[in-house]
Each structure stands twice: as structure tokens, then as C-alpha cells.
Amino acid sequence: MESTMRCPHCDQEIDASENACPACGHIHAGSAQCARHADRAATGICVICGAGVCEECDSDSTHTRHHACPDHGSVAVIEGWAQVYTTSDSVEADLIRENLQSEGIDSEVLSQKDSTFTVDFGDLSPIRVLVPAYEYLPAMKLLTAHMDLAGEVVFACPACGEAFEAGDTTCRTCGTPLPTQAA
């Protein structure tokens, strides 16, 4: 039977066998070394890549939110969930969430839109697609593989709507050329 505990830093329920909280990176058992400074003890682990970070390398030196290495300090993380995509279109956000989930990556949509208003506020009310922080890198790899030259994520043929695999140049169902993907 799996034993759980509450992280003393962020209060998330976590597996008691973990040395660090996957939601905030707080080390609660054992110790770790900084990935960039091997002679220094880590104050936490990066919630995105799992690298140990010392006081100097930690992007949140106040440790009030979560620990992140210099490479991932700019990633928006909300209570252990990392933002992988932002849009003003709820249908687009739901499609991206569904595609991530079909690839085995847990994902959620966070919307601040208020349905009582009929005015579209565009960028003032972004819809965010979130994944657990520790799944940020595989999620971004998947989204990047399906990103066209305009920066839009495209998972389906624009002519017939059939899903396609990253790297396909024509639709396997109808033969329509697919949007050119970014390298």
C-alpha cells in the first residue's frame, strides 16, 4: 500500500517515498547537490527538470512558490501545474488538452473568462493549458512537434479533420497537404 504525506512547504499530498515534492521542489528527505555547482547543497529541485538548485541558481530565491533552475525560471507554474500553451479560444485549448491526454500527459484548462459577459476581452482573459510541472518537457516536445510556421499548434488536417502524426506532410486520409511545421 502506498503511503502519502503532505508537503511541509506547499501542503500538496505527495508520495511519502519521494525525496522532494513534485509540486514545489521542496526537499523533505535526504539531500541533493546543485546541478551547476557540485560543491553546494541544493535548496530544492527544479519542478520542471528535477535538477538540484542551490541558493544562487534557484530562480525563486525567496522559496515562496516553487524551486526552478535558471533554464526553467520563466515557466509559469501554478500550484504544481506548468503552463504549456495560452490562447483566447476555449475550443483550441480543449483540443490541445485532449491531444496531450491522448498521449498520456495529464492536462487541464484554466480559464478566467466570465460567462456572464458577452464581450470577448481577448488577451485580457487568457485560457491556459496546464500540465503537471514534471510533465512540462514532454508536453512541450509534443506541442513543438505539432507547431506550424505561424506558431499555432495543429493536430488535425484542415480539410477533413483527421488527426495526423508529427512529421506527416500530407493527410493520410484525404491527401491534403498539411501545414508546414516549424523545425
N, C-alpha and C. Protein backbone atom coordinates (compact mmCIF):
# COMPACT_ATOMS: atom_id res chain seq x y z
N MET A 1 0.84 -1.19 0.00
CA MET A 1 0.00 0.00 0.00
C MET A 1 0.88 1.24 0.00
N GLU A 2 0.54 2.18 -0.84
CA GLU A 2 1.32 3.41 -0.99
C GLU A 2 1.03 4.37 0.16
N SER A 3 2.08 4.91 0.73
CA SER A 3 1.96 5.85 1.84
C SER A 3 2.10 7.28 1.30
N THR A 4 1.22 8.16 1.79
CA THR A 4 1.28 9.55 1.36
C THR A 4 1.53 10.46 2.55
N MET A 5 1.90 11.69 2.24
CA MET A 5 2.10 12.71 3.26
C MET A 5 1.79 14.07 2.63
N ARG A 6 1.75 15.08 3.44
CA ARG A 6 1.56 16.46 2.95
C ARG A 6 2.92 17.13 2.92
N CYS A 7 3.19 17.83 1.80
CA CYS A 7 4.45 18.58 1.71
C CYS A 7 4.42 19.68 2.76
N PRO A 8 5.48 19.81 3.57
CA PRO A 8 5.51 20.85 4.59
C PRO A 8 5.61 22.26 4.01
N HIS A 9 5.96 22.38 2.73
CA HIS A 9 6.10 23.69 2.11
C HIS A 9 4.83 24.16 1.41
N CYS A 10 4.22 23.29 0.58
CA CYS A 10 3.06 23.72 -0.22
C CYS A 10 1.76 23.01 0.14
N ASP A 11 1.83 22.04 1.03
CA ASP A 11 0.68 21.30 1.53
C ASP A 11 0.04 20.37 0.50
N GLN A 12 0.73 20.08 -0.61
CA GLN A 12 0.22 19.12 -1.58
C GLN A 12 0.38 17.71 -1.02
N GLU A 13 -0.56 16.83 -1.35
CA GLU A 13 -0.41 15.43 -0.96
C GLU A 13 0.56 14.78 -1.93
N ILE A 14 1.59 14.14 -1.37
CA ILE A 14 2.64 13.53 -2.20
C ILE A 14 2.94 12.13 -1.70
N ASP A 15 3.60 11.35 -2.52
CA ASP A 15 4.05 10.02 -2.16
C ASP A 15 5.15 10.17 -1.11
N ALA A 16 5.00 9.50 0.03
CA ALA A 16 5.95 9.63 1.14
C ALA A 16 7.34 9.10 0.78
N SER A 17 7.44 8.27 -0.24
CA SER A 17 8.76 7.73 -0.61
C SER A 17 9.58 8.72 -1.44
N GLU A 18 8.95 9.80 -1.93
CA GLU A 18 9.66 10.81 -2.72
C GLU A 18 10.56 11.64 -1.80
N ASN A 19 11.74 12.01 -2.29
CA ASN A 19 12.66 12.85 -1.52
C ASN A 19 12.30 14.32 -1.62
N ALA A 20 11.59 14.69 -2.68
CA ALA A 20 11.22 16.09 -2.89
C ALA A 20 9.80 16.14 -3.44
N CYS A 21 9.14 17.23 -3.16
CA CYS A 21 7.76 17.44 -3.62
C CYS A 21 7.77 17.75 -5.12
N PRO A 22 7.02 17.00 -5.93
CA PRO A 22 6.98 17.30 -7.36
C PRO A 22 6.24 18.60 -7.68
N ALA A 23 5.43 19.10 -6.75
CA ALA A 23 4.68 20.32 -7.00
C ALA A 23 5.49 21.58 -6.75
N CYS A 24 6.34 21.59 -5.71
CA CYS A 24 7.09 22.81 -5.40
C CYS A 24 8.60 22.62 -5.38
N GLY A 25 9.08 21.38 -5.38
CA GLY A 25 10.52 21.12 -5.39
C GLY A 25 11.18 21.14 -4.02
N HIS A 26 10.39 21.27 -2.95
CA HIS A 26 10.94 21.29 -1.59
C HIS A 26 11.52 19.92 -1.25
N ILE A 27 12.76 19.90 -0.80
CA ILE A 27 13.40 18.65 -0.39
C ILE A 27 12.97 18.37 1.05
N HIS A 28 12.33 17.23 1.27
CA HIS A 28 11.87 16.91 2.62
C HIS A 28 12.54 15.67 3.19
N ALA A 29 13.30 14.96 2.40
CA ALA A 29 14.01 13.79 2.90
C ALA A 29 15.36 13.71 2.19
N GLY A 30 16.39 13.45 2.93
CA GLY A 30 17.71 13.35 2.34
C GLY A 30 18.25 14.70 1.91
N SER A 31 19.14 14.67 0.95
CA SER A 31 19.73 15.91 0.45
C SER A 31 20.04 15.74 -1.03
N ALA A 32 20.35 16.84 -1.66
CA ALA A 32 20.71 16.83 -3.08
C ALA A 32 21.78 17.88 -3.30
N GLN A 33 22.52 17.72 -4.36
CA GLN A 33 23.56 18.67 -4.74
C GLN A 33 23.06 19.53 -5.88
N CYS A 34 23.54 20.73 -5.95
CA CYS A 34 23.21 21.63 -7.04
C CYS A 34 23.77 21.05 -8.34
N ALA A 35 22.96 21.06 -9.39
CA ALA A 35 23.39 20.51 -10.68
C ALA A 35 24.48 21.36 -11.33
N ARG A 36 24.53 22.65 -11.05
CA ARG A 36 25.53 23.54 -11.65
C ARG A 36 26.74 23.76 -10.77
N HIS A 37 26.57 23.61 -9.47
CA HIS A 37 27.66 23.80 -8.51
C HIS A 37 27.74 22.56 -7.62
N ALA A 38 28.51 21.58 -8.05
CA ALA A 38 28.56 20.29 -7.36
C ALA A 38 29.04 20.40 -5.92
N ASP A 39 29.72 21.48 -5.58
CA ASP A 39 30.22 21.64 -4.22
C ASP A 39 29.19 22.26 -3.27
N ARG A 40 27.99 22.56 -3.79
CA ARG A 40 26.96 23.20 -2.97
C ARG A 40 25.75 22.29 -2.78
N ALA A 41 25.15 22.39 -1.61
CA ALA A 41 23.92 21.65 -1.34
C ALA A 41 22.77 22.35 -2.04
N ALA A 42 21.83 21.56 -2.52
CA ALA A 42 20.65 22.12 -3.18
C ALA A 42 19.64 22.58 -2.12
N THR A 43 19.00 23.70 -2.40
CA THR A 43 17.92 24.18 -1.53
C THR A 43 16.60 23.59 -1.97
N GLY A 44 16.55 23.02 -3.17
CA GLY A 44 15.35 22.39 -3.71
C GLY A 44 15.68 21.78 -5.06
N ILE A 45 14.67 21.23 -5.68
CA ILE A 45 14.85 20.70 -7.04
C ILE A 45 13.94 21.45 -8.00
N CYS A 46 14.38 21.61 -9.21
CA CYS A 46 13.58 22.29 -10.24
C CYS A 46 12.33 21.44 -10.52
N VAL A 47 11.16 22.05 -10.40
CA VAL A 47 9.92 21.31 -10.62
C VAL A 47 9.73 20.90 -12.08
N ILE A 48 10.48 21.50 -12.98
CA ILE A 48 10.38 21.17 -14.41
C ILE A 48 11.30 20.01 -14.78
N CYS A 49 12.59 20.13 -14.46
CA CYS A 49 13.55 19.11 -14.90
C CYS A 49 14.11 18.23 -13.80
N GLY A 50 13.86 18.58 -12.53
CA GLY A 50 14.34 17.76 -11.42
C GLY A 50 15.77 18.01 -11.01
N ALA A 51 16.43 18.99 -11.61
CA ALA A 51 17.83 19.30 -11.25
C ALA A 51 17.88 19.99 -9.90
N GLY A 52 18.88 19.63 -9.11
CA GLY A 52 19.09 20.30 -7.83
C GLY A 52 19.51 21.75 -8.06
N VAL A 53 18.98 22.66 -7.24
CA VAL A 53 19.34 24.07 -7.36
C VAL A 53 19.80 24.60 -6.00
N CYS A 54 20.92 25.32 -6.01
CA CYS A 54 21.41 25.95 -4.79
C CYS A 54 20.77 27.33 -4.66
N GLU A 55 21.09 28.03 -3.61
CA GLU A 55 20.52 29.36 -3.37
C GLU A 55 20.77 30.30 -4.56
N GLU A 56 21.97 30.25 -5.14
CA GLU A 56 22.32 31.13 -6.25
C GLU A 56 21.57 30.77 -7.54
N CYS A 57 21.36 29.48 -7.79
CA CYS A 57 20.74 29.03 -9.03
C CYS A 57 19.21 29.05 -9.00
N ASP A 58 18.63 29.06 -7.84
CA ASP A 58 17.18 28.98 -7.70
C ASP A 58 16.53 30.26 -8.21
N SER A 59 15.64 30.14 -9.19
CA SER A 59 15.00 31.33 -9.76
C SER A 59 14.04 31.99 -8.78
N ASP A 60 13.58 31.27 -7.78
CA ASP A 60 12.73 31.84 -6.74
C ASP A 60 13.52 31.80 -5.43
N SER A 61 14.43 32.72 -5.29
CA SER A 61 15.33 32.70 -4.13
C SER A 61 14.61 32.90 -2.80
N THR A 62 13.37 33.38 -2.85
CA THR A 62 12.61 33.54 -1.61
C THR A 62 11.92 32.23 -1.20
N HIS A 63 11.87 31.27 -2.11
CA HIS A 63 11.27 29.95 -1.88
C HIS A 63 9.81 30.05 -1.47
N THR A 64 9.12 31.08 -1.91
CA THR A 64 7.72 31.23 -1.55
C THR A 64 6.81 30.45 -2.50
N ARG A 65 7.24 30.20 -3.72
CA ARG A 65 6.41 29.50 -4.69
C ARG A 65 6.92 28.09 -4.91
N HIS A 66 7.87 27.96 -5.79
CA HIS A 66 8.44 26.67 -6.16
C HIS A 66 9.90 26.88 -6.55
N HIS A 67 10.64 25.81 -6.58
CA HIS A 67 12.05 25.87 -6.98
C HIS A 67 12.15 25.64 -8.48
N ALA A 68 13.01 26.41 -9.14
CA ALA A 68 13.24 26.25 -10.57
C ALA A 68 14.68 26.61 -10.89
N CYS A 69 15.27 25.87 -11.82
CA CYS A 69 16.63 26.14 -12.26
C CYS A 69 16.62 27.37 -13.17
N PRO A 70 17.78 27.93 -13.47
CA PRO A 70 17.84 29.10 -14.36
C PRO A 70 17.22 28.86 -15.74
N ASP A 71 17.29 27.63 -16.24
CA ASP A 71 16.73 27.33 -17.56
C ASP A 71 15.20 27.35 -17.56
N HIS A 72 14.58 27.10 -16.41
CA HIS A 72 13.12 26.98 -16.35
C HIS A 72 12.46 28.00 -15.43
N GLY A 73 13.20 29.00 -15.02
CA GLY A 73 12.66 30.02 -14.14
C GLY A 73 11.55 30.85 -14.75
N SER A 74 11.50 30.91 -16.07
CA SER A 74 10.47 31.72 -16.73
C SER A 74 9.18 30.95 -17.02
N VAL A 75 9.18 29.65 -16.74
CA VAL A 75 7.97 28.85 -16.97
C VAL A 75 6.94 29.19 -15.90
N ALA A 76 5.74 29.53 -16.34
CA ALA A 76 4.66 29.84 -15.40
C ALA A 76 4.18 28.54 -14.74
N VAL A 77 4.27 28.50 -13.41
CA VAL A 77 3.83 27.33 -12.65
C VAL A 77 2.80 27.80 -11.63
N ILE A 78 1.65 27.13 -11.63
CA ILE A 78 0.55 27.47 -10.73
C ILE A 78 0.23 26.23 -9.91
N GLU A 79 0.58 26.26 -8.63
CA GLU A 79 0.31 25.14 -7.71
C GLU A 79 0.73 23.79 -8.28
N GLY A 80 1.94 23.73 -8.82
CA GLY A 80 2.48 22.48 -9.34
C GLY A 80 2.12 22.17 -10.78
N TRP A 81 1.35 23.04 -11.42
CA TRP A 81 0.95 22.86 -12.81
C TRP A 81 1.66 23.90 -13.67
N ALA A 82 2.32 23.44 -14.74
CA ALA A 82 3.08 24.33 -15.62
C ALA A 82 2.26 24.67 -16.86
N GLN A 83 2.33 25.93 -17.25
CA GLN A 83 1.61 26.41 -18.43
C GLN A 83 2.39 26.03 -19.68
N VAL A 84 1.72 25.31 -20.60
CA VAL A 84 2.37 24.93 -21.86
C VAL A 84 1.81 25.66 -23.06
N TYR A 85 0.62 26.29 -22.90
CA TYR A 85 0.02 26.96 -24.03
C TYR A 85 -1.00 27.98 -23.52
N THR A 86 -1.13 29.09 -24.24
CA THR A 86 -2.11 30.11 -23.89
C THR A 86 -2.85 30.51 -25.16
N THR A 87 -4.14 30.70 -25.04
CA THR A 87 -4.97 31.09 -26.17
C THR A 87 -6.17 31.88 -25.64
N SER A 88 -6.92 32.47 -26.52
CA SER A 88 -8.18 33.11 -26.12
C SER A 88 -9.37 32.28 -26.61
N ASP A 89 -9.08 31.14 -27.23
CA ASP A 89 -10.10 30.26 -27.80
C ASP A 89 -10.26 29.00 -26.95
N SER A 90 -11.40 28.85 -26.30
CA SER A 90 -11.61 27.70 -25.42
C SER A 90 -11.65 26.38 -26.19
N VAL A 91 -12.14 26.39 -27.43
CA VAL A 91 -12.18 25.17 -28.23
C VAL A 91 -10.75 24.71 -28.53
N GLU A 92 -9.89 25.65 -28.90
CA GLU A 92 -8.48 25.32 -29.17
C GLU A 92 -7.82 24.76 -27.91
N ALA A 93 -8.06 25.38 -26.76
CA ALA A 93 -7.47 24.90 -25.51
C ALA A 93 -7.95 23.48 -25.19
N ASP A 94 -9.24 23.22 -25.38
CA ASP A 94 -9.77 21.88 -25.11
C ASP A 94 -9.17 20.84 -26.06
N LEU A 95 -8.99 21.20 -27.32
CA LEU A 95 -8.39 20.27 -28.28
C LEU A 95 -6.94 19.95 -27.90
N ILE A 96 -6.20 20.95 -27.49
CA ILE A 96 -4.81 20.72 -27.08
C ILE A 96 -4.78 19.84 -25.83
N ARG A 97 -5.67 20.12 -24.87
CA ARG A 97 -5.75 19.28 -23.65
C ARG A 97 -6.05 17.84 -24.03
N GLU A 98 -7.02 17.62 -24.90
CA GLU A 98 -7.39 16.27 -25.31
C GLU A 98 -6.25 15.55 -26.02
N ASN A 99 -5.51 16.27 -26.86
CA ASN A 99 -4.37 15.66 -27.55
C ASN A 99 -3.25 15.31 -26.57
N LEU A 100 -3.00 16.16 -25.60
CA LEU A 100 -2.00 15.84 -24.59
C LEU A 100 -2.43 14.61 -23.80
N GLN A 101 -3.70 14.56 -23.40
CA GLN A 101 -4.19 13.42 -22.64
C GLN A 101 -4.13 12.13 -23.45
N SER A 102 -4.39 12.22 -24.76
CA SER A 102 -4.33 11.01 -25.60
C SER A 102 -2.91 10.47 -25.70
N GLU A 103 -1.93 11.34 -25.43
CA GLU A 103 -0.52 10.91 -25.44
C GLU A 103 -0.05 10.52 -24.03
N GLY A 104 -0.99 10.47 -23.07
CA GLY A 104 -0.66 10.04 -21.72
C GLY A 104 -0.14 11.15 -20.81
N ILE A 105 -0.32 12.40 -21.23
CA ILE A 105 0.15 13.53 -20.42
C ILE A 105 -1.07 14.19 -19.78
N ASP A 106 -1.14 14.16 -18.46
CA ASP A 106 -2.24 14.77 -17.73
C ASP A 106 -2.25 16.26 -18.06
N SER A 107 -3.43 16.81 -18.30
CA SER A 107 -3.52 18.24 -18.61
C SER A 107 -4.88 18.77 -18.20
N GLU A 108 -4.90 20.08 -17.96
CA GLU A 108 -6.12 20.77 -17.55
C GLU A 108 -6.17 22.12 -18.25
N VAL A 109 -7.36 22.67 -18.36
CA VAL A 109 -7.55 24.00 -18.92
C VAL A 109 -7.96 24.93 -17.79
N LEU A 110 -7.30 26.05 -17.69
CA LEU A 110 -7.62 27.06 -16.69
C LEU A 110 -8.08 28.31 -17.44
N SER A 111 -9.33 28.70 -17.21
CA SER A 111 -9.89 29.86 -17.89
C SER A 111 -10.36 30.87 -16.87
N GLN A 112 -10.08 32.12 -17.13
CA GLN A 112 -10.54 33.19 -16.27
C GLN A 112 -11.69 33.95 -16.91
N LYS A 113 -12.20 33.41 -18.01
CA LYS A 113 -13.31 34.06 -18.69
C LYS A 113 -14.56 33.94 -17.84
N ASP A 114 -15.32 34.98 -17.82
CA ASP A 114 -16.57 35.01 -17.08
C ASP A 114 -17.70 34.87 -18.09
N SER A 115 -18.48 33.81 -17.97
CA SER A 115 -19.53 33.56 -18.95
C SER A 115 -20.69 34.55 -18.87
N THR A 116 -20.73 35.41 -17.86
CA THR A 116 -21.81 36.38 -17.76
C THR A 116 -21.60 37.58 -18.68
N PHE A 117 -20.37 37.75 -19.18
CA PHE A 117 -20.08 38.84 -20.10
C PHE A 117 -20.12 38.31 -21.52
N THR A 118 -20.69 39.07 -22.43
CA THR A 118 -20.74 38.64 -23.83
C THR A 118 -19.63 39.26 -24.65
N VAL A 119 -18.84 40.12 -24.03
CA VAL A 119 -17.73 40.78 -24.71
C VAL A 119 -16.50 39.88 -24.64
N ASP A 120 -15.82 39.71 -25.77
CA ASP A 120 -14.57 38.94 -25.78
C ASP A 120 -13.44 39.89 -25.45
N PHE A 121 -12.79 39.65 -24.31
CA PHE A 121 -11.70 40.51 -23.87
C PHE A 121 -10.35 40.08 -24.45
N GLY A 122 -10.33 39.06 -25.28
CA GLY A 122 -9.09 38.63 -25.94
C GLY A 122 -8.00 38.30 -24.95
N ASP A 123 -6.85 38.95 -25.09
CA ASP A 123 -5.70 38.66 -24.25
C ASP A 123 -5.90 39.03 -22.78
N LEU A 124 -6.93 39.81 -22.49
CA LEU A 124 -7.19 40.15 -21.10
C LEU A 124 -7.73 38.97 -20.31
N SER A 125 -8.21 37.96 -21.00
CA SER A 125 -8.72 36.77 -20.33
C SER A 125 -8.13 35.52 -20.98
N PRO A 126 -6.86 35.27 -20.77
CA PRO A 126 -6.22 34.12 -21.42
C PRO A 126 -6.74 32.80 -20.88
N ILE A 127 -6.78 31.84 -21.75
CA ILE A 127 -7.11 30.47 -21.38
C ILE A 127 -5.80 29.71 -21.42
N ARG A 128 -5.47 29.06 -20.31
CA ARG A 128 -4.18 28.40 -20.18
C ARG A 128 -4.34 26.88 -20.22
N VAL A 129 -3.44 26.22 -20.92
CA VAL A 129 -3.38 24.77 -20.89
C VAL A 129 -2.22 24.43 -19.95
N LEU A 130 -2.53 23.64 -18.92
CA LEU A 130 -1.56 23.31 -17.89
C LEU A 130 -1.31 21.81 -17.83
N VAL A 131 -0.08 21.46 -17.48
CA VAL A 131 0.29 20.07 -17.23
C VAL A 131 1.04 20.02 -15.90
N PRO A 132 1.10 18.86 -15.24
CA PRO A 132 1.93 18.80 -14.04
C PRO A 132 3.34 19.27 -14.40
N ALA A 133 3.95 20.03 -13.51
CA ALA A 133 5.26 20.64 -13.81
C ALA A 133 6.27 19.60 -14.28
N TYR A 134 6.27 18.42 -13.69
CA TYR A 134 7.24 17.39 -14.06
C TYR A 134 6.96 16.82 -15.46
N GLU A 135 5.79 17.13 -16.06
CA GLU A 135 5.49 16.69 -17.42
C GLU A 135 5.61 17.82 -18.45
N TYR A 136 6.14 18.96 -18.01
CA TYR A 136 6.28 20.11 -18.89
C TYR A 136 7.16 19.79 -20.11
N LEU A 137 8.31 19.19 -19.90
CA LEU A 137 9.24 18.94 -21.00
C LEU A 137 8.66 17.99 -22.06
N PRO A 138 8.07 16.83 -21.68
CA PRO A 138 7.47 16.00 -22.73
C PRO A 138 6.26 16.67 -23.40
N ALA A 139 5.50 17.46 -22.66
CA ALA A 139 4.36 18.17 -23.25
C ALA A 139 4.83 19.18 -24.28
N MET A 140 5.86 19.94 -23.94
CA MET A 140 6.39 20.93 -24.88
C MET A 140 7.00 20.27 -26.11
N LYS A 141 7.62 19.13 -25.93
CA LYS A 141 8.18 18.39 -27.07
C LYS A 141 7.05 17.99 -28.03
N LEU A 142 5.95 17.50 -27.47
CA LEU A 142 4.80 17.12 -28.30
C LEU A 142 4.19 18.32 -29.00
N LEU A 143 3.97 19.40 -28.26
CA LEU A 143 3.37 20.59 -28.87
C LEU A 143 4.27 21.19 -29.95
N THR A 144 5.56 21.24 -29.69
CA THR A 144 6.51 21.78 -30.65
C THR A 144 6.51 20.95 -31.94
N ALA A 145 6.37 19.63 -31.81
CA ALA A 145 6.34 18.76 -32.98
C ALA A 145 5.10 19.00 -33.84
N HIS A 146 4.06 19.59 -33.26
CA HIS A 146 2.82 19.87 -33.98
C HIS A 146 2.61 21.36 -34.23
N MET A 147 3.65 22.15 -34.12
CA MET A 147 3.53 23.60 -34.29
C MET A 147 3.86 23.97 -35.73
N ASP A 148 3.00 24.80 -36.33
CA ASP A 148 3.26 25.23 -37.70
C ASP A 148 4.16 26.47 -37.69
N LEU A 149 4.47 26.97 -38.88
CA LEU A 149 5.38 28.11 -39.00
C LEU A 149 4.82 29.38 -38.36
N ALA A 150 3.51 29.47 -38.21
CA ALA A 150 2.89 30.64 -37.59
C ALA A 150 2.85 30.53 -36.06
N GLY A 151 3.33 29.40 -35.53
CA GLY A 151 3.33 29.21 -34.08
C GLY A 151 2.06 28.61 -33.53
N GLU A 152 1.16 28.19 -34.41
CA GLU A 152 -0.09 27.56 -33.99
C GLU A 152 0.12 26.06 -33.85
N VAL A 153 -0.50 25.46 -32.86
CA VAL A 153 -0.44 24.01 -32.68
C VAL A 153 -1.56 23.39 -33.49
N VAL A 154 -1.19 22.46 -34.39
CA VAL A 154 -2.14 21.83 -35.29
C VAL A 154 -2.01 20.31 -35.17
N PHE A 155 -3.11 19.66 -34.77
CA PHE A 155 -3.11 18.21 -34.63
C PHE A 155 -3.96 17.51 -35.69
N ALA A 156 -4.74 18.28 -36.47
CA ALA A 156 -5.66 17.65 -37.42
C ALA A 156 -5.56 18.32 -38.78
N CYS A 157 -5.91 17.56 -39.80
CA CYS A 157 -5.93 18.04 -41.18
C CYS A 157 -6.96 19.16 -41.29
N PRO A 158 -6.58 20.28 -41.91
CA PRO A 158 -7.54 21.38 -42.06
C PRO A 158 -8.69 21.06 -43.02
N ALA A 159 -8.53 20.06 -43.88
CA ALA A 159 -9.57 19.73 -44.86
C ALA A 159 -10.58 18.72 -44.30
N CYS A 160 -10.10 17.64 -43.69
CA CYS A 160 -11.02 16.58 -43.26
C CYS A 160 -11.10 16.42 -41.75
N GLY A 161 -10.18 17.06 -41.01
CA GLY A 161 -10.22 16.98 -39.54
C GLY A 161 -9.58 15.73 -38.96
N GLU A 162 -9.01 14.90 -39.80
CA GLU A 162 -8.37 13.68 -39.32
C GLU A 162 -7.04 14.01 -38.63
N ALA A 163 -6.80 13.38 -37.50
CA ALA A 163 -5.55 13.60 -36.76
C ALA A 163 -4.37 13.10 -37.59
N PHE A 164 -3.23 13.77 -37.43
CA PHE A 164 -2.03 13.32 -38.13
C PHE A 164 -0.87 13.26 -37.15
N GLU A 165 0.14 12.53 -37.54
CA GLU A 165 1.34 12.36 -36.72
C GLU A 165 2.33 13.47 -37.02
N ALA A 166 3.11 13.84 -36.02
CA ALA A 166 4.16 14.84 -36.22
C ALA A 166 5.08 14.36 -37.34
N GLY A 167 5.41 15.26 -38.24
CA GLY A 167 6.29 14.92 -39.36
C GLY A 167 5.56 14.59 -40.64
N ASP A 168 4.25 14.27 -40.57
CA ASP A 168 3.48 14.00 -41.79
C ASP A 168 3.41 15.27 -42.62
N THR A 169 3.52 15.14 -43.94
CA THR A 169 3.43 16.31 -44.82
C THR A 169 2.11 16.35 -45.56
N THR A 170 1.46 15.19 -45.73
CA THR A 170 0.14 15.13 -46.34
C THR A 170 -0.76 14.27 -45.46
N CYS A 171 -2.05 14.56 -45.52
CA CYS A 171 -3.04 13.81 -44.75
C CYS A 171 -3.12 12.38 -45.29
N ARG A 172 -3.04 11.41 -44.42
CA ARG A 172 -3.11 10.01 -44.82
C ARG A 172 -4.52 9.62 -45.25
N THR A 173 -5.51 10.41 -44.87
CA THR A 173 -6.90 10.10 -45.20
C THR A 173 -7.33 10.72 -46.52
N CYS A 174 -7.10 12.04 -46.68
CA CYS A 174 -7.61 12.73 -47.88
C CYS A 174 -6.52 13.23 -48.82
N GLY A 175 -5.24 13.17 -48.42
CA GLY A 175 -4.15 13.57 -49.29
C GLY A 175 -3.86 15.05 -49.31
N THR A 176 -4.58 15.84 -48.53
CA THR A 176 -4.37 17.29 -48.50
C THR A 176 -3.01 17.60 -47.87
N PRO A 177 -2.26 18.54 -48.47
CA PRO A 177 -1.00 18.96 -47.83
C PRO A 177 -1.28 19.56 -46.44
N LEU A 178 -0.49 19.16 -45.47
CA LEU A 178 -0.66 19.63 -44.10
C LEU A 178 0.14 20.92 -43.88
N PRO A 179 -0.24 21.71 -42.89
CA PRO A 179 0.51 22.94 -42.61
C PRO A 179 1.98 22.62 -42.39
N THR A 180 2.84 23.47 -42.98
CA THR A 180 4.27 23.28 -42.82
C THR A 180 4.63 23.50 -41.35
N GLN A 181 5.35 22.53 -40.80
CA GLN A 181 5.68 22.59 -39.38
C GLN A 181 7.02 23.25 -39.16
N ALA A 182 7.12 23.91 -38.02
CA ALA A 182 8.39 24.55 -37.64
C ALA A 182 9.43 23.48 -37.38
N ALA A 183 10.66 23.82 -37.60
CA ALA A 183 11.75 22.86 -37.40
C ALA A 183 12.01 22.65 -35.94
